[in-house]
Amino acid sequence: MATLYVGNLPWSTKADDLQEVFSQYGEVLSSRVITDRETGRSRGFGFVEVNDADAEKMIAALNGSDFGGRAITVNEAKSREAGQV
């Protein structure tokens, strides 16, 4: 399983929207849009869990593509531990 980071999402994006778009290129295991704890508003990014075999194909197809009028960023998510110094 691979986790893909999806950035620059329109504020109105829901997890189902991500699943619908990514499922055109392979199997989506789960999807989520990150929201602000206090306001409940989208923070403009999310994560999609996919099969390893489909991850590169999805990144190549969707990175920089138009999603609701915005060019989204799609790449493999880094673990929290990897980002800490």
PDB file of N, CA and C in Angstrom:
ATOM      1  N   MET A   1       0.848  -1.180   0.000  1.00  0.00           N
ATOM      2  CA  MET A   1       0.000   0.000   0.000  1.00  0.00           C
ATOM      3  C   MET A   1       0.891   1.241   0.000  1.00  0.00           C
ATOM      4  N   ALA A   2       0.504   2.245  -0.792  1.00  0.00           N
ATOM      5  CA  ALA A   2       1.212   3.523  -0.839  1.00  0.00           C
ATOM      6  C   ALA A   2       0.241   4.629  -0.456  1.00  0.00           C
ATOM      7  N   THR A   3       0.767   5.665   0.185  1.00  0.00           N
ATOM      8  CA  THR A   3      -0.045   6.820   0.536  1.00  0.00           C
ATOM      9  C   THR A   3       0.413   7.996  -0.301  1.00  0.00           C
ATOM     10  N   LEU A   4      -0.538   8.602  -1.009  1.00  0.00           N
ATOM     11  CA  LEU A   4      -0.239   9.745  -1.853  1.00  0.00           C
ATOM     12  C   LEU A   4      -0.718  11.025  -1.187  1.00  0.00           C
ATOM     13  N   TYR A   5       0.133  12.042  -1.216  1.00  0.00           N
ATOM     14  CA  TYR A   5      -0.220  13.379  -0.742  1.00  0.00           C
ATOM     15  C   TYR A   5      -0.859  14.121  -1.916  1.00  0.00           C
ATOM     16  N   VAL A   6      -1.943  14.815  -1.656  1.00  0.00           N
ATOM     17  CA  VAL A   6      -2.612  15.604  -2.693  1.00  0.00           C
ATOM     18  C   VAL A   6      -2.757  17.031  -2.170  1.00  0.00           C
ATOM     19  N   GLY A   7      -2.071  17.968  -2.803  1.00  0.00           N
ATOM     20  CA  GLY A   7      -2.080  19.350  -2.335  1.00  0.00           C
ATOM     21  C   GLY A   7      -2.725  20.302  -3.320  1.00  0.00           C
ATOM     22  N   ASN A   8      -2.988  21.523  -2.840  1.00  0.00           N
ATOM     23  CA  ASN A   8      -3.599  22.611  -3.613  1.00  0.00           C
ATOM     24  C   ASN A   8      -5.038  22.279  -4.017  1.00  0.00           C
ATOM     25  N   LEU A   9      -5.731  21.602  -3.135  1.00  0.00           N
ATOM     26  CA  LEU A   9      -7.126  21.231  -3.401  1.00  0.00           C
ATOM     27  C   LEU A   9      -8.050  22.423  -3.200  1.00  0.00           C
ATOM     28  N   PRO A  10      -9.110  22.506  -3.988  1.00  0.00           N
ATOM     29  CA  PRO A  10     -10.134  23.519  -3.720  1.00  0.00           C
ATOM     30  C   PRO A  10     -10.738  23.279  -2.327  1.00  0.00           C
ATOM     31  N   TRP A  11     -11.148  24.354  -1.670  1.00  0.00           N
ATOM     32  CA  TRP A  11     -11.656  24.243  -0.294  1.00  0.00           C
ATOM     33  C   TRP A  11     -12.888  23.345  -0.180  1.00  0.00           C
ATOM     34  N   SER A  12     -13.635  23.221  -1.249  1.00  0.00           N
ATOM     35  CA  SER A  12     -14.885  22.446  -1.202  1.00  0.00           C
ATOM     36  C   SER A  12     -14.689  20.951  -1.434  1.00  0.00           C
ATOM     37  N   THR A  13     -13.458  20.504  -1.632  1.00  0.00           N
ATOM     38  CA  THR A  13     -13.193  19.100  -1.946  1.00  0.00           C
ATOM     39  C   THR A  13     -13.559  18.189  -0.782  1.00  0.00           C
ATOM     40  N   LYS A  14     -14.218  17.094  -1.114  1.00  0.00           N
ATOM     41  CA  LYS A  14     -14.566  16.064  -0.125  1.00  0.00           C
ATOM     42  C   LYS A  14     -13.773  14.795  -0.431  1.00  0.00           C
ATOM     43  N   ALA A  15     -13.692  13.902   0.545  1.00  0.00           N
ATOM     44  CA  ALA A  15     -12.956  12.644   0.366  1.00  0.00           C
ATOM     45  C   ALA A  15     -13.516  11.836  -0.807  1.00  0.00           C
ATOM     46  N   ASP A  16     -14.820  11.873  -0.984  1.00  0.00           N
ATOM     47  CA  ASP A  16     -15.440  11.145  -2.095  1.00  0.00           C
ATOM     48  C   ASP A  16     -14.991  11.692  -3.448  1.00  0.00           C
ATOM     49  N   ASP A  17     -14.736  13.003  -3.503  1.00  0.00           N
ATOM     50  CA  ASP A  17     -14.257  13.616  -4.748  1.00  0.00           C
ATOM     51  C   ASP A  17     -12.879  13.064  -5.104  1.00  0.00           C
ATOM     52  N   LEU A  18     -12.008  12.963  -4.103  1.00  0.00           N
ATOM     53  CA  LEU A  18     -10.669  12.403  -4.348  1.00  0.00           C
ATOM     54  C   LEU A  18     -10.765  10.962  -4.822  1.00  0.00           C
ATOM     55  N   GLN A  19     -11.596  10.193  -4.154  1.00  0.00           N
ATOM     56  CA  GLN A  19     -11.746   8.783  -4.520  1.00  0.00           C
ATOM     57  C   GLN A  19     -12.221   8.642  -5.958  1.00  0.00           C
ATOM     58  N   GLU A  20     -13.167   9.464  -6.340  1.00  0.00           N
ATOM     59  CA  GLU A  20     -13.710   9.387  -7.694  1.00  0.00           C
ATOM     60  C   GLU A  20     -12.638   9.670  -8.745  1.00  0.00           C
ATOM     61  N   VAL A  21     -11.840  10.699  -8.541  1.00  0.00           N
ATOM     62  CA  VAL A  21     -10.811  11.070  -9.521  1.00  0.00           C
ATOM     63  C   VAL A  21      -9.698  10.020  -9.567  1.00  0.00           C
ATOM     64  N   PHE A  22      -9.198   9.612  -8.407  1.00  0.00           N
ATOM     65  CA  PHE A  22      -8.070   8.679  -8.389  1.00  0.00           C
ATOM     66  C   PHE A  22      -8.473   7.277  -8.849  1.00  0.00           C
ATOM     67  N   SER A  23      -9.709   6.882  -8.644  1.00  0.00           N
ATOM     68  CA  SER A  23     -10.139   5.538  -9.026  1.00  0.00           C
ATOM     69  C   SER A  23     -10.171   5.351 -10.544  1.00  0.00           C
ATOM     70  N   GLN A  24     -10.063   6.446 -11.298  1.00  0.00           N
ATOM     71  CA  GLN A  24      -9.973   6.323 -12.762  1.00  0.00           C
ATOM     72  C   GLN A  24      -8.644   5.706 -13.181  1.00  0.00           C
ATOM     73  N   TYR A  25      -7.653   5.716 -12.284  1.00  0.00           N
ATOM     74  CA  TYR A  25      -6.310   5.242 -12.615  1.00  0.00           C
ATOM     75  C   TYR A  25      -5.882   4.020 -11.813  1.00  0.00           C
ATOM     76  N   GLY A  26      -6.765   3.471 -10.979  1.00  0.00           N
ATOM     77  CA  GLY A  26      -6.429   2.291 -10.197  1.00  0.00           C
ATOM     78  C   GLY A  26      -7.326   2.180  -8.982  1.00  0.00           C
ATOM     79  N   GLU A  27      -6.985   1.220  -8.120  1.00  0.00           N
ATOM     80  CA  GLU A  27      -7.815   0.969  -6.943  1.00  0.00           C
ATOM     81  C   GLU A  27      -7.459   1.930  -5.805  1.00  0.00           C
ATOM     82  N   VAL A  28      -8.474   2.574  -5.258  1.00  0.00           N
ATOM     83  CA  VAL A  28      -8.307   3.467  -4.117  1.00  0.00           C
ATOM     84  C   VAL A  28      -8.782   2.733  -2.873  1.00  0.00           C
ATOM     85  N   LEU A  29      -7.892   2.625  -1.878  1.00  0.00           N
ATOM     86  CA  LEU A  29      -8.240   1.922  -0.648  1.00  0.00           C
ATOM     87  C   LEU A  29      -8.954   2.848   0.339  1.00  0.00           C
ATOM     88  N   SER A  30      -8.522   4.105   0.381  1.00  0.00           N
ATOM     89  CA  SER A  30      -9.194   5.102   1.219  1.00  0.00           C
ATOM     90  C   SER A  30      -8.753   6.491   0.788  1.00  0.00           C
ATOM     91  N   SER A  31      -9.518   7.484   1.184  1.00  0.00           N
ATOM     92  CA  SER A  31      -9.146   8.862   0.879  1.00  0.00           C
ATOM     93  C   SER A  31      -9.651   9.745   2.013  1.00  0.00           C
ATOM     94  N   ARG A  32      -8.934  10.841   2.236  1.00  0.00           N
ATOM     95  CA  ARG A  32      -9.370  11.783   3.272  1.00  0.00           C
ATOM     96  C   ARG A  32      -8.848  13.173   2.950  1.00  0.00           C
ATOM     97  N   VAL A  33      -9.640  14.155   3.330  1.00  0.00           N
ATOM     98  CA  VAL A  33      -9.246  15.553   3.202  1.00  0.00           C
ATOM     99  C   VAL A  33      -8.999  16.054   4.619  1.00  0.00           C
ATOM    100  N   ILE A  34      -7.874  16.712   4.815  1.00  0.00           N
ATOM    101  CA  ILE A  34      -7.514  17.195   6.148  1.00  0.00           C
ATOM    102  C   ILE A  34      -8.253  18.504   6.423  1.00  0.00           C
ATOM    103  N   THR A  35      -8.867  18.568   7.602  1.00  0.00           N
ATOM    104  CA  THR A  35      -9.630  19.756   7.985  1.00  0.00           C
ATOM    105  C   THR A  35      -9.045  20.386   9.239  1.00  0.00           C
ATOM    106  N   ASP A  36      -9.328  21.657   9.402  1.00  0.00           N
ATOM    107  CA  ASP A  36      -8.894  22.378  10.591  1.00  0.00           C
ATOM    108  C   ASP A  36      -9.702  21.882  11.787  1.00  0.00           C
ATOM    109  N   ARG A  37      -9.023  21.621  12.878  1.00  0.00           N
ATOM    110  CA  ARG A  37      -9.697  21.092  14.062  1.00  0.00           C
ATOM    111  C   ARG A  37     -10.741  22.043  14.627  1.00  0.00           C
ATOM    112  N   GLU A  38     -10.449  23.314  14.606  1.00  0.00           N
ATOM    113  CA  GLU A  38     -11.351  24.283  15.234  1.00  0.00           C
ATOM    114  C   GLU A  38     -12.496  24.707  14.330  1.00  0.00           C
ATOM    115  N   THR A  39     -12.205  24.929  13.048  1.00  0.00           N
ATOM    116  CA  THR A  39     -13.247  25.446  12.154  1.00  0.00           C
ATOM    117  C   THR A  39     -13.934  24.355  11.327  1.00  0.00           C
ATOM    118  N   GLY A  40     -13.271  23.206  11.157  1.00  0.00           N
ATOM    119  CA  GLY A  40     -13.823  22.150  10.331  1.00  0.00           C
ATOM    120  C   GLY A  40     -13.628  22.395   8.846  1.00  0.00           C
ATOM    121  N   ARG A  41     -12.987  23.490   8.506  1.00  0.00           N
ATOM    122  CA  ARG A  41     -12.760  23.859   7.106  1.00  0.00           C
ATOM    123  C   ARG A  41     -11.570  23.078   6.547  1.00  0.00           C
ATOM    124  N   SER A  42     -11.658  22.747   5.273  1.00  0.00           N
ATOM    125  CA  SER A  42     -10.559  22.043   4.608  1.00  0.00           C
ATOM    126  C   SER A  42      -9.277  22.860   4.707  1.00  0.00           C
ATOM    127  N   ARG A  43      -8.160  22.155   4.839  1.00  0.00           N
ATOM    128  CA  ARG A  43      -6.862  22.826   4.873  1.00  0.00           C
ATOM    129  C   ARG A  43      -6.206  22.815   3.489  1.00  0.00           C
ATOM    130  N   GLY A  44      -6.919  22.281   2.495  1.00  0.00           N
ATOM    131  CA  GLY A  44      -6.423  22.338   1.120  1.00  0.00           C
ATOM    132  C   GLY A  44      -5.523  21.192   0.715  1.00  0.00           C
ATOM    133  N   PHE A  45      -5.462  20.159   1.534  1.00  0.00           N
ATOM    134  CA  PHE A  45      -4.695  18.983   1.136  1.00  0.00           C
ATOM    135  C   PHE A  45      -5.327  17.730   1.718  1.00  0.00           C
ATOM    136  N   GLY A  46      -4.909  16.582   1.183  1.00  0.00           N
ATOM    137  CA  GLY A  46      -5.458  15.321   1.645  1.00  0.00           C
ATOM    138  C   GLY A  46      -4.527  14.178   1.297  1.00  0.00           C
ATOM    139  N   PHE A  47      -4.991  12.975   1.595  1.00  0.00           N
ATOM    140  CA  PHE A  47      -4.207  11.779   1.350  1.00  0.00           C
ATOM    141  C   PHE A  47      -5.092  10.702   0.725  1.00  0.00           C
ATOM    142  N   VAL A  48      -4.490   9.934  -0.176  1.00  0.00           N
ATOM    143  CA  VAL A  48      -5.189   8.827  -0.813  1.00  0.00           C
ATOM    144  C   VAL A  48      -4.325   7.587  -0.657  1.00  0.00           C
ATOM    145  N   GLU A  49      -4.892   6.526  -0.130  1.00  0.00           N
ATOM    146  CA  GLU A  49      -4.174   5.258   0.003  1.00  0.00           C
ATOM    147  C   GLU A  49      -4.543   4.380  -1.183  1.00  0.00           C
ATOM    148  N   VAL A  50      -3.498   3.882  -1.868  1.00  0.00           N
ATOM    149  CA  VAL A  50      -3.700   3.105  -3.086  1.00  0.00           C
ATOM    150  C   VAL A  50      -2.795   1.878  -3.072  1.00  0.00           C
ATOM    151  N   ASN A  51      -3.027   0.966  -4.011  1.00  0.00           N
ATOM    152  CA  ASN A  51      -2.125  -0.173  -4.173  1.00  0.00           C
ATOM    153  C   ASN A  51      -0.785   0.325  -4.698  1.00  0.00           C
ATOM    154  N   ASP A  52       0.296  -0.309  -4.258  1.00  0.00           N
ATOM    155  CA  ASP A  52       1.640   0.082  -4.709  1.00  0.00           C
ATOM    156  C   ASP A  52       1.739   0.104  -6.225  1.00  0.00           C
ATOM    157  N   ALA A  53       1.115  -0.871  -6.870  1.00  0.00           N
ATOM    158  CA  ALA A  53       1.219  -0.999  -8.324  1.00  0.00           C
ATOM    159  C   ALA A  53       0.586   0.177  -9.062  1.00  0.00           C
ATOM    160  N   ASP A  54      -0.352   0.863  -8.441  1.00  0.00           N
ATOM    161  CA  ASP A  54      -1.058   1.966  -9.097  1.00  0.00           C
ATOM    162  C   ASP A  54      -0.475   3.333  -8.758  1.00  0.00           C
ATOM    163  N   ALA A  55       0.363   3.440  -7.738  1.00  0.00           N
ATOM    164  CA  ALA A  55       0.813   4.741  -7.226  1.00  0.00           C
ATOM    165  C   ALA A  55       1.533   5.573  -8.285  1.00  0.00           C
ATOM    166  N   GLU A  56       2.532   5.007  -8.944  1.00  0.00           N
ATOM    167  CA  GLU A  56       3.301   5.785  -9.923  1.00  0.00           C
ATOM    168  C   GLU A  56       2.431   6.233 -11.088  1.00  0.00           C
ATOM    169  N   LYS A  57       1.524   5.363 -11.502  1.00  0.00           N
ATOM    170  CA  LYS A  57       0.619   5.697 -12.605  1.00  0.00           C
ATOM    171  C   LYS A  57      -0.278   6.878 -12.205  1.00  0.00           C
ATOM    172  N   MET A  58      -0.763   6.889 -10.977  1.00  0.00           N
ATOM    173  CA  MET A  58      -1.625   7.977 -10.514  1.00  0.00           C
ATOM    174  C   MET A  58      -0.850   9.285 -10.398  1.00  0.00           C
ATOM    175  N   ILE A  59       0.381   9.210  -9.894  1.00  0.00           N
ATOM    176  CA  ILE A  59       1.198  10.419  -9.763  1.00  0.00           C
ATOM    177  C   ILE A  59       1.456  11.012 -11.145  1.00  0.00           C
ATOM    178  N   ALA A  60       1.852  10.157 -12.092  1.00  0.00           N
ATOM    179  CA  ALA A  60       2.152  10.630 -13.449  1.00  0.00           C
ATOM    180  C   ALA A  60       0.917  11.243 -14.104  1.00  0.00           C
ATOM    181  N   ALA A  61      -0.237  10.676 -13.870  1.00  0.00           N
ATOM    182  CA  ALA A  61      -1.455  11.146 -14.527  1.00  0.00           C
ATOM    183  C   ALA A  61      -2.037  12.392 -13.871  1.00  0.00           C
ATOM    184  N   LEU A  62      -1.913  12.508 -12.555  1.00  0.00           N
ATOM    185  CA  LEU A  62      -2.661  13.557 -11.857  1.00  0.00           C
ATOM    186  C   LEU A  62      -1.823  14.721 -11.333  1.00  0.00           C
ATOM    187  N   ASN A  63      -0.526  14.557 -11.160  1.00  0.00           N
ATOM    188  CA  ASN A  63       0.291  15.664 -10.661  1.00  0.00           C
ATOM    189  C   ASN A  63       0.265  16.820 -11.664  1.00  0.00           C
ATOM    190  N   GLY A  64      -0.165  17.968 -11.201  1.00  0.00           N
ATOM    191  CA  GLY A  64      -0.248  19.156 -12.051  1.00  0.00           C
ATOM    192  C   GLY A  64      -1.537  19.246 -12.849  1.00  0.00           C
ATOM    193  N   SER A  65      -2.403  18.271 -12.695  1.00  0.00           N
ATOM    194  CA  SER A  65      -3.657  18.292 -13.457  1.00  0.00           C
ATOM    195  C   SER A  65      -4.661  19.257 -12.823  1.00  0.00           C
ATOM    196  N   ASP A  66      -5.661  19.619 -13.589  1.00  0.00           N
ATOM    197  CA  ASP A  66      -6.697  20.528 -13.120  1.00  0.00           C
ATOM    198  C   ASP A  66      -7.727  19.770 -12.290  1.00  0.00           C
ATOM    199  N   PHE A  67      -8.004  20.299 -11.117  1.00  0.00           N
ATOM    200  CA  PHE A  67      -9.004  19.705 -10.226  1.00  0.00           C
ATOM    201  C   PHE A  67      -9.811  20.864  -9.648  1.00  0.00           C
ATOM    202  N   GLY A  68     -11.000  21.022 -10.137  1.00  0.00           N
ATOM    203  CA  GLY A  68     -11.851  22.110  -9.663  1.00  0.00           C
ATOM    204  C   GLY A  68     -11.275  23.485  -9.944  1.00  0.00           C
ATOM    205  N   GLY A  69     -10.507  23.610 -11.033  1.00  0.00           N
ATOM    206  CA  GLY A  69      -9.938  24.893 -11.389  1.00  0.00           C
ATOM    207  C   GLY A  69      -8.567  25.166 -10.795  1.00  0.00           C
ATOM    208  N   ARG A  70      -8.003  24.197 -10.097  1.00  0.00           N
ATOM    209  CA  ARG A  70      -6.677  24.374  -9.489  1.00  0.00           C
ATOM    210  C   ARG A  70      -5.754  23.252  -9.958  1.00  0.00           C
ATOM    211  N   ALA A  71      -4.477  23.566 -10.103  1.00  0.00           N
ATOM    212  CA  ALA A  71      -3.483  22.551 -10.476  1.00  0.00           C
ATOM    213  C   ALA A  71      -3.036  21.839  -9.206  1.00  0.00           C
ATOM    214  N   ILE A  72      -3.398  20.569  -9.077  1.00  0.00           N
ATOM    215  CA  ILE A  72      -3.098  19.854  -7.841  1.00  0.00           C
ATOM    216  C   ILE A  72      -1.687  19.272  -7.866  1.00  0.00           C
ATOM    217  N   THR A  73      -1.149  19.084  -6.677  1.00  0.00           N
ATOM    218  CA  THR A  73       0.147  18.446  -6.498  1.00  0.00           C
ATOM    219  C   THR A  73      -0.105  17.037  -5.975  1.00  0.00           C
ATOM    220  N   VAL A  74       0.486  16.050  -6.637  1.00  0.00           N
ATOM    221  CA  VAL A  74       0.335  14.665  -6.193  1.00  0.00           C
ATOM    222  C   VAL A  74       1.722  14.053  -6.116  1.00  0.00           C
ATOM    223  N   ASN A  75       2.086  13.566  -4.945  1.00  0.00           N
ATOM    224  CA  ASN A  75       3.339  12.832  -4.799  1.00  0.00           C
ATOM    225  C   ASN A  75       3.216  11.840  -3.655  1.00  0.00           C
ATOM    226  N   GLU A  76       4.218  10.992  -3.524  1.00  0.00           N
ATOM    227  CA  GLU A  76       4.153   9.990  -2.461  1.00  0.00           C
ATOM    228  C   GLU A  76       4.345  10.687  -1.116  1.00  0.00           C
ATOM    229  N   ALA A  77       3.462  10.389  -0.171  1.00  0.00           N
ATOM    230  CA  ALA A  77       3.520  11.027   1.142  1.00  0.00           C
ATOM    231  C   ALA A  77       4.743  10.551   1.901  1.00  0.00           C
ATOM    232  N   LYS A  78       5.318  11.473   2.662  1.00  0.00           N
ATOM    233  CA  LYS A  78       6.454  11.133   3.522  1.00  0.00           C
ATOM    234  C   LYS A  78       5.916  10.866   4.919  1.00  0.00           C
ATOM    235  N   SER A  79       6.521   9.929   5.601  1.00  0.00           N
ATOM    236  CA  SER A  79       6.071   9.660   6.969  1.00  0.00           C
ATOM    237  C   SER A  79       6.464  10.827   7.856  1.00  0.00           C
ATOM    238  N   ARG A  80       5.762  11.009   8.938  1.00  0.00           N
ATOM    239  CA  ARG A  80       6.062  12.107   9.854  1.00  0.00           C
ATOM    240  C   ARG A  80       7.488  11.997  10.388  1.00  0.00           C
ATOM    241  N   GLU A  81       7.942  10.783  10.654  1.00  0.00           N
ATOM    242  CA  GLU A  81       9.277  10.587  11.201  1.00  0.00           C
ATOM    243  C   GLU A  81      10.336  11.055  10.208  1.00  0.00           C
ATOM    244  N   ALA A  82      10.088  10.841   8.893  1.00  0.00           N
ATOM    245  CA  ALA A  82      11.064  11.214   7.876  1.00  0.00           C
ATOM    246  C   ALA A  82      11.216  12.724   7.785  1.00  0.00           C
ATOM    247  N   GLY A  83      10.180  13.484   8.124  1.00  0.00           N
ATOM    248  CA  GLY A  83      10.233  14.923   8.015  1.00  0.00           C
ATOM    249  C   GLY A  83      10.857  15.603   9.225  1.00  0.00           C
ATOM    250  N   GLN A  84      11.034  14.859  10.313  1.00  0.00           N
ATOM    251  CA  GLN A  84      11.589  15.462  11.516  1.00  0.00           C
ATOM    252  C   GLN A  84      13.112  15.411  11.491  1.00  0.00           C
ATOM    253  N   VAL A  85      13.715  16.413  12.062  1.00  0.00           N
ATOM    254  CA  VAL A  85      15.180  16.467  12.111  1.00  0.00           C
ATOM    255  C   VAL A  85      15.636  16.087  13.487  1.00  0.00           C
TER     256      VAL A  85
END
